[in-house]
Structure formats: C-alpha cells, structure tokens
C-alpha cells in the first residue's frame, strides 16, 4: 500500500481533534497527580501510624498494579456498584491516581531534603503546621522536584493510548477508528507516531531547560 498524502490531509482534522483531547487529558491527569501525590506524601509522614502505614500500603498497591487494569476497574467494574463515570472522567482519574503514587515519592524525597533546622525554625516562630508547610517547607522542597515532576508529565502523555481501552476518543483511538473505516492503516498510525515524537522531542527540550534552571536551586 502506497502512502497517500491526499488521505493524510483528509484525516488530519480528525487526528487533530484526538490530539487536542490527548493533551487535555494529560494536563488534567497531571494536575490530579500533583495534588494527590502531595497529599499522599504528607499523609505518609503522619505521626498516626495507621494513617502513615495505610497510605504507604495504598501507594504501593497502586504502583504495583498495571494502569490498564486500574482503568478497566474504574470504567467497567465500578458501574456494578453504582458508580458510573464518563470515559474522559474515568481516564483522568485513573491516570491521575496512578501517577500520583509516583509523584508522591518525588514529593517525599524533596520534603526530606529540607534541612531539619527549617522545621525547627518554623516551630520556634510559632507557625502552625499549615503555615510551616505553605511558607517554609514547600517553597524549599518543590523547585528541585520540578524536573522529575515534568518527566512524569511526559510519561503520562505517552500512556494516553491506553485510554482507547475505555472508549476515550484520544489520538490513538481516533486513528484506529479512521483505519478501521477506511482499511488504510499506514497513514493514520504513522501520523500518530509523528505527533507523539514531535511533542515528546519538544517536551525533552523543555525538560532539559527545567533541569538546568532548577538544578541550580537544588545545589
């Protein structure tokens, strides 16, 4: 089968719609992962043993099971107990929760790198726990973490094709739909690869800049 540029331009609007949805899912899932990951990291430092151990067990359980299985459970199993989620919402929650367990470790490492003297200084100035976290600990802990967190953002983008398993019309699913209806696979699948490669290359450049910019902060 020969390459057909006319067919490429014909399917381009459909693929671009899928690409826009892929980017939207990546951004929303990354926001969920960043917020939940910070919550997990803080809970694992809890002085209440049940909370700390329970959170640690949950994080390890999610990390130890495949993302695809988690997506199936959220989208196909939860309806059996009355919880029905739209495909997009299920995908964002599934990816966000899965990657939150990884970002939690990044947060934990950054928090533990804050000198103990900073904790003691916050306590000595009568700051509340909330004030200490917001004004002393996190401003010092977060900047060195940014390159690692950005790396997980790229990883999430590359994992979005898994969402086709729960009927999300992201880039890969749109390409499969075009291929199945036209019986031409080379053009849509090649263009999917081109889109992912192009965005990944741009992301790598941005990541290197972040490492250069915030690596100095870590030092």
C-alpha atoms as a PDB file:
ATOM      1  CA  UNK A   1       0.000   0.000   0.000  1.00  0.00           C
ATOM      2  CA  UNK A   2       1.449   3.339  -1.078  1.00  0.00           C
ATOM      3  CA  UNK A   3       1.496   6.491   1.020  1.00  0.00           C
ATOM      4  CA  UNK A   4      -1.385   8.818   0.102  1.00  0.00           C
ATOM      5  CA  UNK A   5      -0.878  12.464   1.061  1.00  0.00           C
ATOM      6  CA  UNK A   6      -4.417  13.342  -0.017  1.00  0.00           C
ATOM      7  CA  UNK A   7      -5.747  10.833   2.504  1.00  0.00           C
ATOM      8  CA  UNK A   8      -3.452  12.280   5.189  1.00  0.00           C
ATOM      9  CA  UNK A   9      -4.892  15.766   4.716  1.00  0.00           C
ATOM     10  CA  UNK A  10      -8.381  14.305   4.681  1.00  0.00           C
ATOM     11  CA  UNK A  11      -7.978  12.636   8.080  1.00  0.00           C
ATOM     12  CA  UNK A  12      -5.868  15.395   9.641  1.00  0.00           C
ATOM     13  CA  UNK A  13      -8.837  17.261  11.283  1.00  0.00           C
ATOM     14  CA  UNK A  14      -9.937  14.029  12.983  1.00  0.00           C
ATOM     15  CA  UNK A  15      -6.422  13.299  14.234  1.00  0.00           C
ATOM     16  CA  UNK A  16      -6.002  16.860  15.482  1.00  0.00           C
ATOM     17  CA  UNK A  17      -9.237  16.526  17.470  1.00  0.00           C
ATOM     18  CA  UNK A  18      -7.799  13.393  19.042  1.00  0.00           C
ATOM     19  CA  UNK A  19      -4.515  15.193  19.740  1.00  0.00           C
ATOM     20  CA  UNK A  20      -6.316  18.059  21.481  1.00  0.00           C
ATOM     21  CA  UNK A  21      -8.165  15.596  23.698  1.00  0.00           C
ATOM     22  CA  UNK A  22      -4.904  13.753  24.419  1.00  0.00           C
ATOM     23  CA  UNK A  23      -3.233  16.974  25.554  1.00  0.00           C
ATOM     24  CA  UNK A  24      -6.263  17.945  27.646  1.00  0.00           C
ATOM     25  CA  UNK A  25      -6.285  14.562  29.386  1.00  0.00           C
ATOM     26  CA  UNK A  26      -2.556  14.809  30.038  1.00  0.00           C
ATOM     27  CA  UNK A  27      -2.892  18.236  31.643  1.00  0.00           C
ATOM     28  CA  UNK A  28      -5.923  17.300  33.760  1.00  0.00           C
ATOM     29  CA  UNK A  29      -4.419  13.986  34.862  1.00  0.00           C
ATOM     30  CA  UNK A  30      -1.131  15.677  35.735  1.00  0.00           C
ATOM     31  CA  UNK A  31      -3.000  18.195  37.909  1.00  0.00           C
ATOM     32  CA  UNK A  32      -4.720  15.326  39.729  1.00  0.00           C
ATOM     33  CA  UNK A  33      -1.390  13.522  40.109  1.00  0.00           C
ATOM     34  CA  UNK A  34       0.383  16.588  41.511  1.00  0.00           C
ATOM     35  CA  UNK A  35      -2.332  17.329  44.083  1.00  0.00           C
ATOM     36  CA  UNK A  36      -2.944  13.727  45.170  1.00  0.00           C
ATOM     37  CA  UNK A  37       0.784  12.977  45.158  1.00  0.00           C
ATOM     38  CA  UNK A  38       1.432  15.821  47.589  1.00  0.00           C
ATOM     39  CA  UNK A  39      -1.419  14.589  49.769  1.00  0.00           C
ATOM     40  CA  UNK A  40      -0.009  11.056  49.817  1.00  0.00           C
ATOM     41  CA  UNK A  41       3.470  12.352  50.662  1.00  0.00           C
ATOM     42  CA  UNK A  42       2.159  14.392  53.598  1.00  0.00           C
ATOM     43  CA  UNK A  43      -0.035  11.543  54.890  1.00  0.00           C
ATOM     44  CA  UNK A  44       2.913   9.142  54.813  1.00  0.00           C
ATOM     45  CA  UNK A  45       4.675  11.494  57.218  1.00  0.00           C
ATOM     46  CA  UNK A  46       1.735  11.445  59.617  1.00  0.00           C
ATOM     47  CA  UNK A  47       2.503  10.777  63.275  1.00  0.00           C
ATOM     48  CA  UNK A  48      -0.550   8.499  63.326  1.00  0.00           C
ATOM     49  CA  UNK A  49       0.845   5.068  62.475  1.00  0.00           C
ATOM     50  CA  UNK A  50      -2.404   3.761  60.955  1.00  0.00           C
ATOM     51  CA  UNK A  51      -2.613   6.728  58.559  1.00  0.00           C
ATOM     52  CA  UNK A  52       1.059   6.563  57.557  1.00  0.00           C
ATOM     53  CA  UNK A  53       1.074   2.790  57.039  1.00  0.00           C
ATOM     54  CA  UNK A  54      -2.322   2.723  55.350  1.00  0.00           C
ATOM     55  CA  UNK A  55      -1.253   5.406  52.891  1.00  0.00           C
ATOM     56  CA  UNK A  56       2.027   3.613  52.254  1.00  0.00           C
ATOM     57  CA  UNK A  57       0.201   0.350  51.552  1.00  0.00           C
ATOM     58  CA  UNK A  58      -2.251   2.047  49.209  1.00  0.00           C
ATOM     59  CA  UNK A  59       0.534   3.802  47.297  1.00  0.00           C
ATOM     60  CA  UNK A  60       2.489   0.558  46.867  1.00  0.00           C
ATOM     61  CA  UNK A  61      -0.652  -1.300  45.783  1.00  0.00           C
ATOM     62  CA  UNK A  62      -1.443   1.246  43.048  1.00  0.00           C
ATOM     63  CA  UNK A  63       2.182   1.340  41.898  1.00  0.00           C
ATOM     64  CA  UNK A  64       2.305  -2.448  41.812  1.00  0.00           C
ATOM     65  CA  UNK A  65      -0.697  -2.924  39.523  1.00  0.00           C
ATOM     66  CA  UNK A  66      -0.861  -2.021  35.817  1.00  0.00           C
ATOM     67  CA  UNK A  67      -2.512   1.223  34.786  1.00  0.00           C
ATOM     68  CA  UNK A  68      -4.619  -0.626  32.203  1.00  0.00           C
ATOM     69  CA  UNK A  69      -6.113  -2.858  34.897  1.00  0.00           C
ATOM     70  CA  UNK A  70      -6.926   0.190  37.017  1.00  0.00           C
ATOM     71  CA  UNK A  71      -8.656   1.863  34.077  1.00  0.00           C
ATOM     72  CA  UNK A  72     -10.760  -1.246  33.482  1.00  0.00           C
ATOM     73  CA  UNK A  73     -11.760  -1.370  37.142  1.00  0.00           C
ATOM     74  CA  UNK A  74     -12.743   2.313  37.212  1.00  0.00           C
ATOM     75  CA  UNK A  75     -14.704   2.240  33.953  1.00  0.00           C
ATOM     76  CA  UNK A  76     -16.115  -1.298  33.760  1.00  0.00           C
ATOM     77  CA  UNK A  77     -16.216  -2.611  37.350  1.00  0.00           C
ATOM     78  CA  UNK A  78     -17.331   0.414  39.371  1.00  0.00           C
ATOM     79  CA  UNK A  79     -20.676   0.627  37.495  1.00  0.00           C
ATOM     80  CA  UNK A  80     -21.542  -2.742  39.094  1.00  0.00           C
ATOM     81  CA  UNK A  81     -21.639  -0.968  42.459  1.00  0.00           C
ATOM     82  CA  UNK A  82     -23.487   2.054  41.112  1.00  0.00           C
ATOM     83  CA  UNK A  83     -20.554   4.340  40.241  1.00  0.00           C
ATOM     84  CA  UNK A  84     -20.705   5.314  36.580  1.00  0.00           C
ATOM     85  CA  UNK A  85     -18.156   7.724  35.163  1.00  0.00           C
ATOM     86  CA  UNK A  86     -17.887   9.196  31.649  1.00  0.00           C
ATOM     87  CA  UNK A  87     -14.888   7.824  29.727  1.00  0.00           C
ATOM     88  CA  UNK A  88     -12.975  11.119  29.937  1.00  0.00           C
ATOM     89  CA  UNK A  89     -13.502  11.455  33.690  1.00  0.00           C
ATOM     90  CA  UNK A  90     -12.577   7.806  34.287  1.00  0.00           C
ATOM     91  CA  UNK A  91      -9.414   8.237  32.222  1.00  0.00           C
ATOM     92  CA  UNK A  92      -8.328  11.387  34.029  1.00  0.00           C
ATOM     93  CA  UNK A  93      -8.976   9.861  37.458  1.00  0.00           C
ATOM     94  CA  UNK A  94      -7.265   6.592  36.538  1.00  0.00           C
ATOM     95  CA  UNK A  95      -4.131   8.202  35.121  1.00  0.00           C
ATOM     96  CA  UNK A  96      -4.032  10.875  37.805  1.00  0.00           C
ATOM     97  CA  UNK A  97      -4.329   8.365  40.644  1.00  0.00           C
ATOM     98  CA  UNK A  98      -1.769   6.021  39.120  1.00  0.00           C
ATOM     99  CA  UNK A  99       0.851   8.703  38.624  1.00  0.00           C
ATOM    100  CA  UNK A 100       0.076  10.318  41.987  1.00  0.00           C
ATOM    101  CA  UNK A 101       1.754   7.323  43.598  1.00  0.00           C
ATOM    102  CA  UNK A 102       4.926   8.144  41.667  1.00  0.00           C
ATOM    103  CA  UNK A 103       4.849  11.878  42.245  1.00  0.00           C
ATOM    104  CA  UNK A 104       4.297  11.124  45.945  1.00  0.00           C
ATOM    105  CA  UNK A 105       7.783   9.622  46.076  1.00  0.00           C
ATOM    106  CA  UNK A 106       9.203  12.679  44.342  1.00  0.00           C
ATOM    107  CA  UNK A 107       7.496  14.937  46.879  1.00  0.00           C
ATOM    108  CA  UNK A 108       8.658  12.775  49.756  1.00  0.00           C
ATOM    109  CA  UNK A 109      12.257  12.940  48.581  1.00  0.00           C
ATOM    110  CA  UNK A 110      12.078  16.722  48.171  1.00  0.00           C
ATOM    111  CA  UNK A 111      10.479  17.204  51.581  1.00  0.00           C
ATOM    112  CA  UNK A 112      13.060  15.029  53.298  1.00  0.00           C
ATOM    113  CA  UNK A 113      15.839  17.088  51.704  1.00  0.00           C
ATOM    114  CA  UNK A 114      14.657  20.229  53.508  1.00  0.00           C
ATOM    115  CA  UNK A 115      17.118  20.739  56.399  1.00  0.00           C
ATOM    116  CA  UNK A 116      15.713  19.797  59.786  1.00  0.00           C
ATOM    117  CA  UNK A 117      16.677  23.234  61.032  1.00  0.00           C
ATOM    118  CA  UNK A 118      13.948  24.724  58.834  1.00  0.00           C
ATOM    119  CA  UNK A 119      11.321  22.638  60.613  1.00  0.00           C
ATOM    120  CA  UNK A 120      12.683  23.700  63.983  1.00  0.00           C
ATOM    121  CA  UNK A 121      12.797  27.348  62.931  1.00  0.00           C
ATOM    122  CA  UNK A 122       9.151  27.194  61.822  1.00  0.00           C
ATOM    123  CA  UNK A 123       8.183  25.703  65.179  1.00  0.00           C
ATOM    124  CA  UNK A 124      10.269  28.277  67.076  1.00  0.00           C
ATOM    125  CA  UNK A 125       8.435  31.143  65.365  1.00  0.00           C
ATOM    126  CA  UNK A 126       5.076  29.652  66.442  1.00  0.00           C
ATOM    127  CA  UNK A 127       3.915  28.893  62.921  1.00  0.00           C
ATOM    128  CA  UNK A 128       1.021  26.469  62.643  1.00  0.00           C
ATOM    129  CA  UNK A 129       1.600  23.208  60.803  1.00  0.00           C
ATOM    130  CA  UNK A 130      -0.276  24.615  57.798  1.00  0.00           C
ATOM    131  CA  UNK A 131       1.782  27.819  57.781  1.00  0.00           C
ATOM    132  CA  UNK A 132       5.009  25.861  58.125  1.00  0.00           C
ATOM    133  CA  UNK A 133       4.139  23.690  55.119  1.00  0.00           C
ATOM    134  CA  UNK A 134       2.963  26.579  52.941  1.00  0.00           C
ATOM    135  CA  UNK A 135       5.558  29.219  53.796  1.00  0.00           C
ATOM    136  CA  UNK A 136       8.668  27.308  54.824  1.00  0.00           C
ATOM    137  CA  UNK A 137       8.811  23.672  53.719  1.00  0.00           C
ATOM    138  CA  UNK A 138       7.119  23.503  50.313  1.00  0.00           C
ATOM    139  CA  UNK A 139       8.760  26.655  48.857  1.00  0.00           C
ATOM    140  CA  UNK A 140      12.129  24.998  49.501  1.00  0.00           C
ATOM    141  CA  UNK A 141      11.124  21.448  48.614  1.00  0.00           C
ATOM    142  CA  UNK A 142       9.216  21.965  45.361  1.00  0.00           C
ATOM    143  CA  UNK A 143      11.695  23.734  42.992  1.00  0.00           C
ATOM    144  CA  UNK A 144      14.241  20.883  42.953  1.00  0.00           C
ATOM    145  CA  UNK A 145      11.392  18.446  42.246  1.00  0.00           C
ATOM    146  CA  UNK A 146      10.130  20.229  39.127  1.00  0.00           C
ATOM    147  CA  UNK A 147      12.296  18.362  36.558  1.00  0.00           C
ATOM    148  CA  UNK A 148      11.224  14.979  37.972  1.00  0.00           C
ATOM    149  CA  UNK A 149       7.572  16.014  38.038  1.00  0.00           C
ATOM    150  CA  UNK A 150       7.844  17.228  34.428  1.00  0.00           C
ATOM    151  CA  UNK A 151       9.306  13.857  33.489  1.00  0.00           C
ATOM    152  CA  UNK A 152       6.168  12.148  34.766  1.00  0.00           C
ATOM    153  CA  UNK A 153       4.087  14.589  32.736  1.00  0.00           C
ATOM    154  CA  UNK A 154       5.843  13.342  29.596  1.00  0.00           C
ATOM    155  CA  UNK A 155       5.313   9.740  30.710  1.00  0.00           C
ATOM    156  CA  UNK A 156       1.586  10.396  31.166  1.00  0.00           C
ATOM    157  CA  UNK A 157       1.346  11.826  27.660  1.00  0.00           C
ATOM    158  CA  UNK A 158       2.904   8.660  26.250  1.00  0.00           C
ATOM    159  CA  UNK A 159       0.493   6.468  28.238  1.00  0.00           C
ATOM    160  CA  UNK A 160      -2.686   8.101  26.894  1.00  0.00           C
ATOM    161  CA  UNK A 161      -3.163   5.462  24.133  1.00  0.00           C
ATOM    162  CA  UNK A 162      -4.209   3.087  26.933  1.00  0.00           C
ATOM    163  CA  UNK A 163      -7.377   5.166  27.300  1.00  0.00           C
ATOM    164  CA  UNK A 164      -8.638   3.786  23.995  1.00  0.00           C
ATOM    165  CA  UNK A 165      -9.438   0.648  26.021  1.00  0.00           C
ATOM    166  CA  UNK A 166     -12.177   2.585  27.840  1.00  0.00           C
ATOM    167  CA  UNK A 167     -13.521   4.245  24.668  1.00  0.00           C
ATOM    168  CA  UNK A 168     -11.878   7.646  25.122  1.00  0.00           C
ATOM    169  CA  UNK A 169     -11.540   9.218  21.678  1.00  0.00           C
ATOM    170  CA  UNK A 170      -7.953  10.344  22.169  1.00  0.00           C
ATOM    171  CA  UNK A 171      -5.370  10.378  19.367  1.00  0.00           C
ATOM    172  CA  UNK A 172      -4.796   6.625  19.122  1.00  0.00           C
ATOM    173  CA  UNK A 173      -8.485   5.765  19.240  1.00  0.00           C
ATOM    174  CA  UNK A 174      -9.259   8.325  16.541  1.00  0.00           C
ATOM    175  CA  UNK A 175      -6.519   6.850  14.371  1.00  0.00           C
ATOM    176  CA  UNK A 176      -7.856   3.321  14.919  1.00  0.00           C
ATOM    177  CA  UNK A 177     -11.346   4.490  14.018  1.00  0.00           C
ATOM    178  CA  UNK A 178     -10.097   6.067  10.786  1.00  0.00           C
ATOM    179  CA  UNK A 179      -8.057   2.976   9.937  1.00  0.00           C
ATOM    180  CA  UNK A 180     -10.918   0.573  10.593  1.00  0.00           C
ATOM    181  CA  UNK A 181     -13.377   2.569   8.497  1.00  0.00           C
ATOM    182  CA  UNK A 182     -11.015   3.182   5.555  1.00  0.00           C
ATOM    183  CA  UNK A 183      -8.940  -0.025   5.743  1.00  0.00           C
ATOM    184  CA  UNK A 184      -5.843   2.142   5.467  1.00  0.00           C
ATOM    185  CA  UNK A 185      -3.553   1.828   8.467  1.00  0.00           C
ATOM    186  CA  UNK A 186      -0.191   3.159   7.360  1.00  0.00           C
ATOM    187  CA  UNK A 187      -1.156   6.842   7.203  1.00  0.00           C
ATOM    188  CA  UNK A 188      -3.139   7.235  10.483  1.00  0.00           C
ATOM    189  CA  UNK A 189      -0.751   5.106  12.553  1.00  0.00           C
ATOM    190  CA  UNK A 190       2.301   6.816  11.101  1.00  0.00           C
ATOM    191  CA  UNK A 191       0.836  10.240  11.843  1.00  0.00           C
ATOM    192  CA  UNK A 192       0.122   9.169  15.438  1.00  0.00           C
ATOM    193  CA  UNK A 193       3.788   8.262  15.758  1.00  0.00           C
ATOM    194  CA  UNK A 194       4.821  11.599  14.243  1.00  0.00           C
ATOM    195  CA  UNK A 195       2.599  13.558  16.654  1.00  0.00           C
ATOM    196  CA  UNK A 196       3.890  11.688  19.693  1.00  0.00           C
ATOM    197  CA  UNK A 197       7.501  12.011  18.556  1.00  0.00           C
ATOM    198  CA  UNK A 198       7.209  15.742  17.837  1.00  0.00           C
ATOM    199  CA  UNK A 199       5.598  16.566  21.181  1.00  0.00           C
ATOM    200  CA  UNK A 200       7.989  14.293  23.059  1.00  0.00           C
ATOM    201  CA  UNK A 201      11.003  16.000  21.465  1.00  0.00           C
ATOM    202  CA  UNK A 202       9.679  19.436  22.404  1.00  0.00           C
ATOM    203  CA  UNK A 203       8.984  18.146  25.924  1.00  0.00           C
ATOM    204  CA  UNK A 204      12.535  16.827  26.240  1.00  0.00           C
ATOM    205  CA  UNK A 205      13.925  20.247  25.325  1.00  0.00           C
ATOM    206  CA  UNK A 206      11.702  21.880  27.948  1.00  0.00           C
ATOM    207  CA  UNK A 207      12.721  19.228  30.482  1.00  0.00           C
ATOM    208  CA  UNK A 208      16.400  19.890  29.878  1.00  0.00           C
ATOM    209  CA  UNK A 209      15.772  23.603  30.427  1.00  0.00           C
ATOM    210  CA  UNK A 210      13.954  22.834  33.675  1.00  0.00           C
ATOM    211  CA  UNK A 211      16.833  20.631  34.828  1.00  0.00           C
ATOM    212  CA  UNK A 212      19.288  23.420  34.044  1.00  0.00           C
ATOM    213  CA  UNK A 213      17.118  26.088  35.664  1.00  0.00           C
ATOM    214  CA  UNK A 214      16.049  24.276  38.812  1.00  0.00           C
ATOM    215  CA  UNK A 215      19.104  22.063  39.164  1.00  0.00           C
ATOM    216  CA  UNK A 216      20.899  25.184  40.349  1.00  0.00           C
ATOM    217  CA  UNK A 217      18.237  25.677  43.006  1.00  0.00           C
ATOM    218  CA  UNK A 218      18.835  22.151  44.275  1.00  0.00           C
ATOM    219  CA  UNK A 219      22.524  22.925  44.687  1.00  0.00           C
END
